[in-house]
Amino acid sequence: MKIKNKVLICGASISGTSIAFWLEKYGYSVVVIEKSNSFRDGGQNVDIKGIGQNVIKLMGFEQEIDSRNTGEKGLRYLDDKGKIISSFPKGAVGGLTSSYEILRGDLARIIYERTQRNCEYRFGLFVTDISERTDDVKVTFNDGSTEDFALIICADGIGSTTRDLVMPEYTHFNYLGAYMSFFKIPKTQEDDFWAKAYQVRGGAMVILRPGHENETTVLVTFLKDKFVPEWQDVSKQKTMLKDVLLQKGGLAERVAQNLDNVQDLYFGPMSQVKASKWSKGRVVLLGDAAHAPTPFTGLGTALSLVGAYILAGELAQNDSIQVAFQEYERLYRPHVEESQKQISSRAVRLIHPKSRIGIMITRIISKFLASAVIQKLLRSRAEKHETNPTDFVLPIYR
């Protein structure tokens, strides 16, 4: 295979495996590297919304995703004693649950298993140096080996180290004033197929969602005015979470008591990636590495799927890599920027009330929004928005 058709993808993420899927179909020789020593099955529940569902259909993964669906019925807000305040069934406006509800690791594995036969996956590797030449790019890996590729796709997430080697001047982070953490705890008899949310005094939120057979997935978010320099230390991460959750009642107490045994902890600042350019030379950004919207938008997975589809399509139909990169960004950036606007630091503060009075007010609002009359009105408005001719339309590629 000629170098001009040889592509390096950094990160076996959803965006990484998805772009591998499409490029292999277009006849490219695909190498995917992953910093972890094995394929990562972990991660939170993800919901695939809007045009992301269209891409899933084009990929032919509907049945496989449905077979691994978490079975989540909807979202319920609970009070300090575990009593239901409000319920948002699947499909309700303001809820979490979509038609395609699956664990991040399960979705990535579905695509990985479909692509691993014809795409080369290498684990325990990451890029340490990139040297661009006239017709290709020379890559040095952490094991000291070197290899030539036509182009590099950075799909290694919000903290992309490959991106930072090439274009740190193009990228900044929009910190939203909160931290978030994902992990799993043992499932108990009280866990059913409903997601459960509990607002914690002091400005925090705990959400429990259905996971695998004996597991419940946990999302904890909490307000923090400034970055904490030592947040990468796992022991300090757990200490910060305990400070937020202990002696706060409800679901918070249960989660806090399980923290010492958690092995799959993800912890970090809730930030959006804002890249002024998505490419430089023969290197291009994809997914969260280019435009992480934060999990609170519920759009990260869909944006990654659609972005992979468009980038691969443009590479396949343009002889020039630079033209393909430019068209990918021209077509997709406006939609991404609109999606990122769906969350702001002000909105994050509003859904994390600190006082008992603030929590009481948000509980009243959630009960109001969950009522049948209001849901009917909200659905009517949502349906009008869905048929808006100005919404993003997927381009068609041969």
Protein backbone atom coordinates (compact mmCIF):
# COMPACT_ATOMS: atom_id res chain seq x y z
CA MET A 1 0.00 0.00 0.00
CA LYS A 2 1.38 3.40 -0.96
CA ILE A 3 2.09 5.92 1.79
CA LYS A 4 -0.52 8.30 0.34
CA ASN A 5 -3.22 5.83 1.48
CA LYS A 6 -1.72 5.04 4.88
CA VAL A 7 -3.39 6.78 7.84
CA LEU A 8 -2.49 6.91 11.53
CA ILE A 9 -5.37 7.32 13.98
CA CYS A 10 -4.40 8.23 17.55
CA GLY A 11 -6.94 6.88 20.05
CA ALA A 12 -9.22 3.81 19.95
CA SER A 13 -12.11 6.00 21.12
CA ILE A 14 -15.58 6.16 19.58
CA SER A 15 -14.32 8.82 17.16
CA GLY A 16 -11.13 6.84 16.49
CA THR A 17 -12.85 3.54 15.77
CA SER A 18 -15.55 5.31 13.73
CA ILE A 19 -13.09 7.08 11.41
CA ALA A 20 -11.27 3.74 11.04
CA PHE A 21 -14.57 2.14 9.97
CA TRP A 22 -15.19 4.67 7.21
CA LEU A 23 -11.61 5.01 5.95
CA GLU A 24 -11.23 1.24 5.63
CA LYS A 25 -14.36 1.20 3.47
CA TYR A 26 -12.84 3.92 1.28
CA GLY A 27 -9.75 1.79 0.68
CA TYR A 28 -7.27 3.33 3.10
CA SER A 29 -4.63 1.40 5.04
CA VAL A 30 -5.50 2.22 8.67
CA VAL A 31 -3.32 2.00 11.78
CA VAL A 32 -4.95 2.82 15.13
CA ILE A 33 -2.76 3.34 18.19
CA GLU A 34 -4.01 3.44 21.78
CA LYS A 35 -2.04 4.58 24.82
CA SER A 36 -3.71 1.97 27.05
CA ASN A 37 -2.24 -1.52 27.01
CA SER A 38 -5.57 -3.04 26.00
CA PHE A 39 -8.91 -1.95 24.59
CA ARG A 40 -10.75 0.25 27.09
CA ASP A 41 -14.26 -1.00 27.91
CA GLY A 42 -14.95 1.56 30.64
CA GLY A 43 -16.84 4.82 30.58
CA GLN A 44 -20.19 6.32 31.24
CA ASN A 45 -23.59 5.80 29.63
CA VAL A 46 -23.83 7.60 26.30
CA ASP A 47 -26.92 8.46 24.33
CA ILE A 48 -26.82 8.89 20.57
CA LYS A 49 -29.05 11.75 19.54
CA GLY A 50 -30.25 13.43 16.35
CA ILE A 51 -28.13 12.99 13.24
CA GLY A 52 -25.81 10.69 15.18
CA GLN A 53 -28.58 8.09 14.87
CA ASN A 54 -28.53 8.56 11.09
CA VAL A 55 -24.82 7.77 11.02
CA ILE A 56 -25.39 4.63 13.12
CA LYS A 57 -27.92 3.48 10.52
CA LEU A 58 -25.46 4.16 7.69
CA MET A 59 -22.85 2.10 9.57
CA GLY A 60 -25.34 -0.75 9.98
CA PHE A 61 -25.01 -1.00 13.77
CA GLU A 62 -28.66 -0.60 14.80
CA GLN A 63 -29.24 -4.23 15.80
CA GLU A 64 -25.95 -4.59 17.65
CA ILE A 65 -26.52 -1.41 19.64
CA ASP A 66 -30.07 -2.44 20.43
CA SER A 67 -28.82 -5.81 21.71
CA ARG A 68 -26.45 -4.03 24.14
CA ASN A 69 -28.86 -1.29 25.12
CA THR A 70 -28.74 -0.59 28.85
CA GLY A 71 -32.54 -0.84 28.98
CA GLU A 72 -32.79 2.50 30.75
CA LYS A 73 -36.44 3.55 31.11
CA GLY A 74 -35.85 7.19 31.90
CA LEU A 75 -34.65 9.59 34.61
CA ARG A 76 -36.04 10.12 38.10
CA TYR A 77 -35.09 12.83 40.57
CA LEU A 78 -34.99 11.63 44.19
CA ASP A 79 -35.15 13.45 47.52
CA ASP A 80 -33.00 12.83 50.63
CA LYS A 81 -35.04 9.75 51.59
CA GLY A 82 -35.07 8.21 48.12
CA LYS A 83 -38.62 9.30 47.33
CA ILE A 84 -39.36 10.10 43.69
CA ILE A 85 -39.82 13.84 43.05
CA SER A 86 -40.27 13.74 39.27
CA SER A 87 -39.96 11.26 36.39
CA PHE A 88 -38.80 11.82 32.80
CA PRO A 89 -39.46 8.60 30.81
CA LYS A 90 -37.43 7.72 27.72
CA GLY A 91 -38.01 10.38 25.08
CA ALA A 92 -39.29 13.01 27.52
CA VAL A 93 -38.06 16.57 27.00
CA GLY A 94 -35.50 17.33 29.70
CA GLY A 95 -34.64 13.68 30.29
CA LEU A 96 -31.43 11.75 29.66
CA THR A 97 -32.62 8.62 27.90
CA SER A 98 -32.62 8.25 24.11
CA SER A 99 -33.50 5.38 21.78
CA TYR A 100 -29.82 4.44 21.52
CA GLU A 101 -28.71 4.14 25.16
CA ILE A 102 -25.45 2.26 25.58
CA LEU A 103 -22.25 2.26 27.63
CA ARG A 104 -19.37 4.13 25.99
CA GLY A 105 -17.13 1.07 26.11
CA ASP A 106 -19.78 -1.17 24.57
CA LEU A 107 -20.32 1.21 21.63
CA ALA A 108 -16.59 1.57 21.01
CA ARG A 109 -16.19 -2.23 21.18
CA ILE A 110 -18.94 -2.80 18.62
CA ILE A 111 -17.10 -0.61 16.13
CA TYR A 112 -13.70 -2.02 17.15
CA GLU A 113 -14.81 -5.60 16.59
CA ARG A 114 -16.14 -4.71 13.13
CA THR A 115 -12.90 -2.96 12.12
CA GLN A 116 -10.12 -5.00 13.74
CA ARG A 117 -10.02 -7.54 10.90
CA ASN A 118 -8.98 -4.98 8.28
CA CYS A 119 -7.52 -2.20 10.44
CA GLU A 120 -4.34 -2.61 12.47
CA TYR A 121 -4.70 -1.82 16.19
CA ARG A 122 -1.58 -1.31 18.32
CA PHE A 123 -1.92 -0.94 22.08
CA GLY A 124 0.47 0.63 24.54
CA LEU A 125 1.65 3.15 21.95
CA PHE A 126 1.50 6.93 21.64
CA VAL A 127 3.22 9.57 19.51
CA THR A 128 6.28 11.36 20.89
CA ASP A 129 7.41 13.27 17.80
CA ILE A 130 6.02 14.31 14.43
CA SER A 131 8.18 15.44 11.52
CA GLU A 132 6.24 16.63 8.47
CA ARG A 133 7.76 16.35 5.02
CA THR A 134 6.59 17.28 1.52
CA ASP A 135 4.61 14.12 0.77
CA ASP A 136 4.22 12.42 4.15
CA VAL A 137 4.81 12.69 7.88
CA LYS A 138 7.36 10.79 9.95
CA VAL A 139 6.08 9.63 13.34
CA THR A 140 8.15 8.56 16.33
CA PHE A 141 6.45 6.37 18.95
CA ASN A 142 7.11 5.95 22.67
CA ASP A 143 8.92 2.64 22.04
CA GLY A 144 11.46 4.45 19.84
CA SER A 145 10.16 3.09 16.53
CA THR A 146 9.41 5.36 13.57
CA GLU A 147 6.97 5.07 10.67
CA ASP A 148 5.73 7.15 7.74
CA PHE A 149 2.08 8.06 7.12
CA ALA A 150 0.12 10.22 4.71
CA LEU A 151 -1.75 11.90 7.54
CA ILE A 152 -2.50 11.75 11.26
CA ILE A 153 -5.93 11.92 12.88
CA CYS A 154 -5.98 12.98 16.53
CA ALA A 155 -8.90 11.16 18.15
CA ASP A 156 -7.34 10.81 21.60
CA GLY A 157 -9.82 12.87 23.56
CA ILE A 158 -10.06 16.17 25.37
CA GLY A 159 -6.50 15.89 26.69
CA SER A 160 -5.02 14.87 23.32
CA THR A 161 -1.24 14.67 23.65
CA THR A 162 -0.86 14.32 19.87
CA ARG A 163 -2.74 17.58 19.33
CA ASP A 164 -0.53 19.31 21.86
CA LEU A 165 2.60 18.23 19.96
CA VAL A 166 1.46 19.92 16.76
CA MET A 167 -1.02 22.72 17.40
CA PRO A 168 -1.16 23.84 21.04
CA GLU A 169 -1.44 27.46 19.91
CA TYR A 170 -4.81 26.74 18.26
CA THR A 171 -6.45 25.15 21.29
CA HIS A 172 -7.85 26.54 24.53
CA PHE A 173 -10.23 25.20 27.17
CA ASN A 174 -13.45 26.78 28.31
CA TYR A 175 -13.66 25.76 31.97
CA LEU A 176 -17.29 25.68 33.11
CA GLY A 177 -16.62 25.94 36.84
CA ALA A 178 -17.17 22.31 37.80
CA TYR A 179 -15.48 18.92 38.01
CA MET A 180 -16.91 15.58 36.95
CA SER A 181 -16.20 11.95 37.65
CA PHE A 182 -17.34 8.64 36.12
CA PHE A 183 -16.99 5.19 37.66
CA LYS A 184 -18.89 2.01 38.55
CA ILE A 185 -20.18 0.68 41.87
CA PRO A 186 -21.82 -2.68 42.71
CA LYS A 187 -25.45 -2.99 41.77
CA THR A 188 -27.94 -3.40 44.64
CA GLN A 189 -31.59 -4.43 44.90
CA GLU A 190 -32.68 -0.80 44.85
CA ASP A 191 -31.16 -0.33 41.37
CA ASP A 192 -33.64 -0.86 38.56
CA PHE A 193 -33.76 0.31 34.95
CA TRP A 194 -34.35 3.96 35.85
CA ALA A 195 -31.56 6.51 36.04
CA LYS A 196 -31.67 8.34 39.39
CA ALA A 197 -30.47 11.87 40.10
CA TYR A 198 -29.84 13.43 43.50
CA GLN A 199 -28.82 17.03 44.16
CA VAL A 200 -26.26 17.34 46.93
CA ARG A 201 -25.98 20.29 49.29
CA GLY A 202 -22.99 22.48 48.50
CA GLY A 203 -23.39 22.39 44.72
CA ALA A 204 -23.09 18.78 43.53
CA MET A 205 -25.10 16.22 41.59
CA VAL A 206 -25.07 12.41 41.70
CA ILE A 207 -26.58 10.38 38.87
CA LEU A 208 -26.82 6.57 38.95
CA ARG A 209 -27.61 4.74 35.72
CA PRO A 210 -28.01 1.09 34.65
CA GLY A 211 -24.73 -0.59 33.74
CA HIS A 212 -23.79 -4.20 33.14
CA GLU A 213 -25.46 -7.05 35.04
CA ASN A 214 -23.81 -6.49 38.42
CA GLU A 215 -22.78 -2.84 38.02
CA THR A 216 -24.31 0.60 38.31
CA THR A 217 -22.59 3.52 36.59
CA VAL A 218 -22.08 6.75 38.52
CA LEU A 219 -21.67 10.34 37.42
CA VAL A 220 -20.70 12.91 40.05
CA THR A 221 -20.41 16.60 39.18
CA PHE A 222 -19.63 19.42 41.60
CA LEU A 223 -18.88 23.13 41.47
CA LYS A 224 -15.28 24.28 41.79
CA ASP A 225 -14.34 27.90 41.13
CA LYS A 226 -10.74 27.16 40.15
CA PHE A 227 -8.61 24.35 38.79
CA VAL A 228 -6.95 22.17 41.39
CA PRO A 229 -3.26 21.71 40.39
CA GLU A 230 -2.93 18.24 41.87
CA TRP A 231 -6.24 16.83 40.57
CA GLN A 232 -4.44 14.10 38.53
CA ASP A 233 -3.52 12.21 41.73
CA VAL A 234 -6.09 9.40 42.18
CA SER A 235 -5.95 9.48 45.98
CA LYS A 236 -6.60 13.23 45.92
CA GLN A 237 -9.44 12.70 43.45
CA LYS A 238 -11.17 10.32 45.85
CA THR A 239 -10.56 12.69 48.76
CA MET A 240 -12.18 15.54 46.82
CA LEU A 241 -15.18 13.35 46.02
CA LYS A 242 -15.56 12.26 49.65
CA ASP A 243 -15.45 15.88 50.80
CA VAL A 244 -18.33 16.59 48.42
CA LEU A 245 -20.44 13.51 49.21
CA LEU A 246 -19.93 12.34 52.80
CA GLN A 247 -22.71 13.10 55.29
CA LYS A 248 -24.88 14.58 52.53
CA GLY A 249 -27.57 11.89 52.66
CA GLY A 250 -29.43 10.15 49.85
CA LEU A 251 -27.48 8.61 46.99
CA ALA A 252 -24.42 10.70 47.91
CA GLU A 253 -23.78 8.65 51.02
CA ARG A 254 -23.98 5.33 49.17
CA VAL A 255 -21.55 6.51 46.49
CA ALA A 256 -19.09 7.88 49.05
CA GLN A 257 -18.99 4.58 50.92
CA ASN A 258 -18.02 2.73 47.72
CA LEU A 259 -15.24 5.06 46.62
CA ASP A 260 -12.34 3.20 48.24
CA ASN A 261 -13.02 0.13 46.09
CA VAL A 262 -13.46 2.00 42.79
CA GLN A 263 -10.86 0.94 40.20
CA ASP A 264 -12.06 2.62 37.00
CA LEU A 265 -12.19 6.24 38.16
CA TYR A 266 -12.30 9.00 35.55
CA PHE A 267 -11.95 12.45 37.09
CA GLY A 268 -11.34 15.87 35.59
CA PRO A 269 -12.47 19.45 35.06
CA MET A 270 -15.68 20.04 33.11
CA SER A 271 -14.26 21.91 30.13
CA GLN A 272 -15.05 22.49 26.49
CA VAL A 273 -12.33 22.28 23.86
CA LYS A 274 -12.28 25.37 21.64
CA ALA A 275 -9.88 24.91 18.72
CA SER A 276 -9.51 27.91 16.41
CA LYS A 277 -8.31 25.51 13.67
CA TRP A 278 -8.92 21.79 13.35
CA SER A 279 -5.91 20.97 11.21
CA LYS A 280 -2.31 21.87 10.59
CA GLY A 281 -0.34 20.42 7.73
CA ARG A 282 -1.07 16.69 7.63
CA VAL A 283 -2.56 16.50 11.13
CA VAL A 284 -6.29 16.88 11.83
CA LEU A 285 -8.41 16.87 15.00
CA LEU A 286 -11.51 14.73 15.47
CA GLY A 287 -14.12 14.36 18.20
CA ASP A 288 -13.37 15.62 21.71
CA ALA A 289 -9.81 16.51 20.68
CA ALA A 290 -11.33 19.20 18.44
CA HIS A 291 -14.57 20.22 20.13
CA ALA A 292 -15.47 18.45 23.40
CA PRO A 293 -18.89 19.87 24.38
CA THR A 294 -18.91 18.33 27.94
CA PRO A 295 -21.15 15.39 28.91
CA PHE A 296 -23.90 17.72 30.16
CA THR A 297 -24.91 18.49 26.57
CA GLY A 298 -25.43 14.79 25.83
CA LEU A 299 -24.04 15.47 22.35
CA GLY A 300 -20.41 14.35 22.51
CA THR A 301 -20.99 10.87 21.08
CA ALA A 302 -23.20 12.08 18.24
CA LEU A 303 -20.72 14.83 17.34
CA SER A 304 -17.89 12.28 17.21
CA LEU A 305 -19.85 9.88 14.99
CA VAL A 306 -20.93 12.59 12.56
CA GLY A 307 -17.49 14.20 12.47
CA ALA A 308 -15.85 10.88 11.60
CA TYR A 309 -18.35 10.32 8.79
CA ILE A 310 -17.72 13.76 7.29
CA LEU A 311 -13.93 13.74 7.62
CA ALA A 312 -13.66 10.32 5.99
CA GLY A 313 -16.06 11.34 3.22
CA GLU A 314 -14.09 14.49 2.42
CA LEU A 315 -10.78 12.61 2.39
CA ALA A 316 -12.26 10.04 0.02
CA GLN A 317 -13.64 12.54 -2.48
CA ASN A 318 -10.80 15.10 -2.51
CA ASP A 319 -7.37 14.49 -4.05
CA SER A 320 -5.84 17.10 -1.75
CA ILE A 321 -5.56 16.35 1.98
CA GLN A 322 -5.58 20.07 2.76
CA VAL A 323 -8.77 20.62 0.75
CA ALA A 324 -10.42 17.70 2.53
CA PHE A 325 -9.48 19.13 5.94
CA GLN A 326 -10.78 22.57 4.96
CA GLU A 327 -14.10 21.19 3.70
CA TYR A 328 -14.55 19.03 6.80
CA GLU A 329 -14.13 22.09 9.02
CA ARG A 330 -16.20 24.38 6.78
CA LEU A 331 -19.12 21.97 6.74
CA TYR A 332 -19.05 20.88 10.36
CA ARG A 333 -17.73 23.71 12.53
CA PRO A 334 -20.98 25.80 12.52
CA HIS A 335 -22.99 22.83 13.82
CA VAL A 336 -20.39 22.01 16.47
CA GLU A 337 -20.28 25.58 17.74
CA GLU A 338 -24.08 25.71 18.00
CA SER A 339 -24.02 22.44 19.94
CA GLN A 340 -21.44 23.79 22.40
CA LYS A 341 -23.68 26.77 23.10
CA GLN A 342 -26.23 24.45 24.73
CA ILE A 343 -24.25 24.58 27.97
CA SER A 344 -22.51 27.45 29.78
CA SER A 345 -20.90 28.09 33.15
CA ARG A 346 -24.07 29.94 34.20
CA ALA A 347 -26.24 26.93 33.29
CA VAL A 348 -23.87 24.62 35.19
CA ARG A 349 -24.24 26.79 38.32
CA LEU A 350 -28.04 26.81 38.00
CA ILE A 351 -28.29 23.00 37.98
CA HIS A 352 -25.93 22.74 40.96
CA PRO A 353 -27.68 24.77 43.67
CA LYS A 354 -25.67 25.04 46.89
CA SER A 355 -28.36 25.80 49.47
CA ARG A 356 -31.37 23.82 50.70
CA ILE A 357 -33.64 26.57 49.34
CA GLY A 358 -31.96 26.39 45.93
CA ILE A 359 -32.39 22.61 45.86
CA MET A 360 -36.03 22.93 46.88
CA ILE A 361 -36.66 25.40 44.02
CA THR A 362 -35.02 23.15 41.40
CA ARG A 363 -37.06 20.18 42.66
CA ILE A 364 -40.25 22.18 42.22
CA ILE A 365 -39.16 23.15 38.71
CA SER A 366 -38.35 19.54 37.78
CA LYS A 367 -41.78 18.43 39.00
CA PHE A 368 -43.39 21.19 36.94
CA LEU A 369 -41.43 20.27 33.78
CA ALA A 370 -42.28 16.57 34.19
CA SER A 371 -46.04 17.20 34.30
CA ALA A 372 -48.09 15.86 31.40
CA VAL A 373 -49.34 19.28 30.27
CA ILE A 374 -45.89 20.88 30.18
CA GLN A 375 -44.35 17.85 28.48
CA LYS A 376 -46.97 18.09 25.73
CA LEU A 377 -46.09 21.73 25.14
CA LEU A 378 -42.36 21.06 25.20
CA ARG A 379 -42.66 18.13 22.78
CA SER A 380 -44.61 20.30 20.36
CA ARG A 381 -41.85 22.89 20.39
CA ALA A 382 -39.16 20.21 20.07
CA GLU A 383 -40.87 18.68 17.03
CA LYS A 384 -40.96 22.07 15.31
CA HIS A 385 -37.26 22.51 15.98
CA GLU A 386 -36.45 19.05 14.60
CA THR A 387 -38.06 19.94 11.25
CA ASN A 388 -36.34 23.32 11.01
CA PRO A 389 -34.81 23.53 7.49
CA THR A 390 -31.76 25.37 8.87
CA ASP A 391 -30.70 22.33 10.95
CA PHE A 392 -27.56 20.46 9.94
CA VAL A 393 -28.08 17.95 7.12
CA LEU A 394 -25.67 15.09 6.56
CA PRO A 395 -23.78 15.31 3.27
CA ILE A 396 -24.02 12.27 1.04
CA TYR A 397 -20.78 10.52 0.06
CA ARG A 398 -20.39 7.70 -2.42
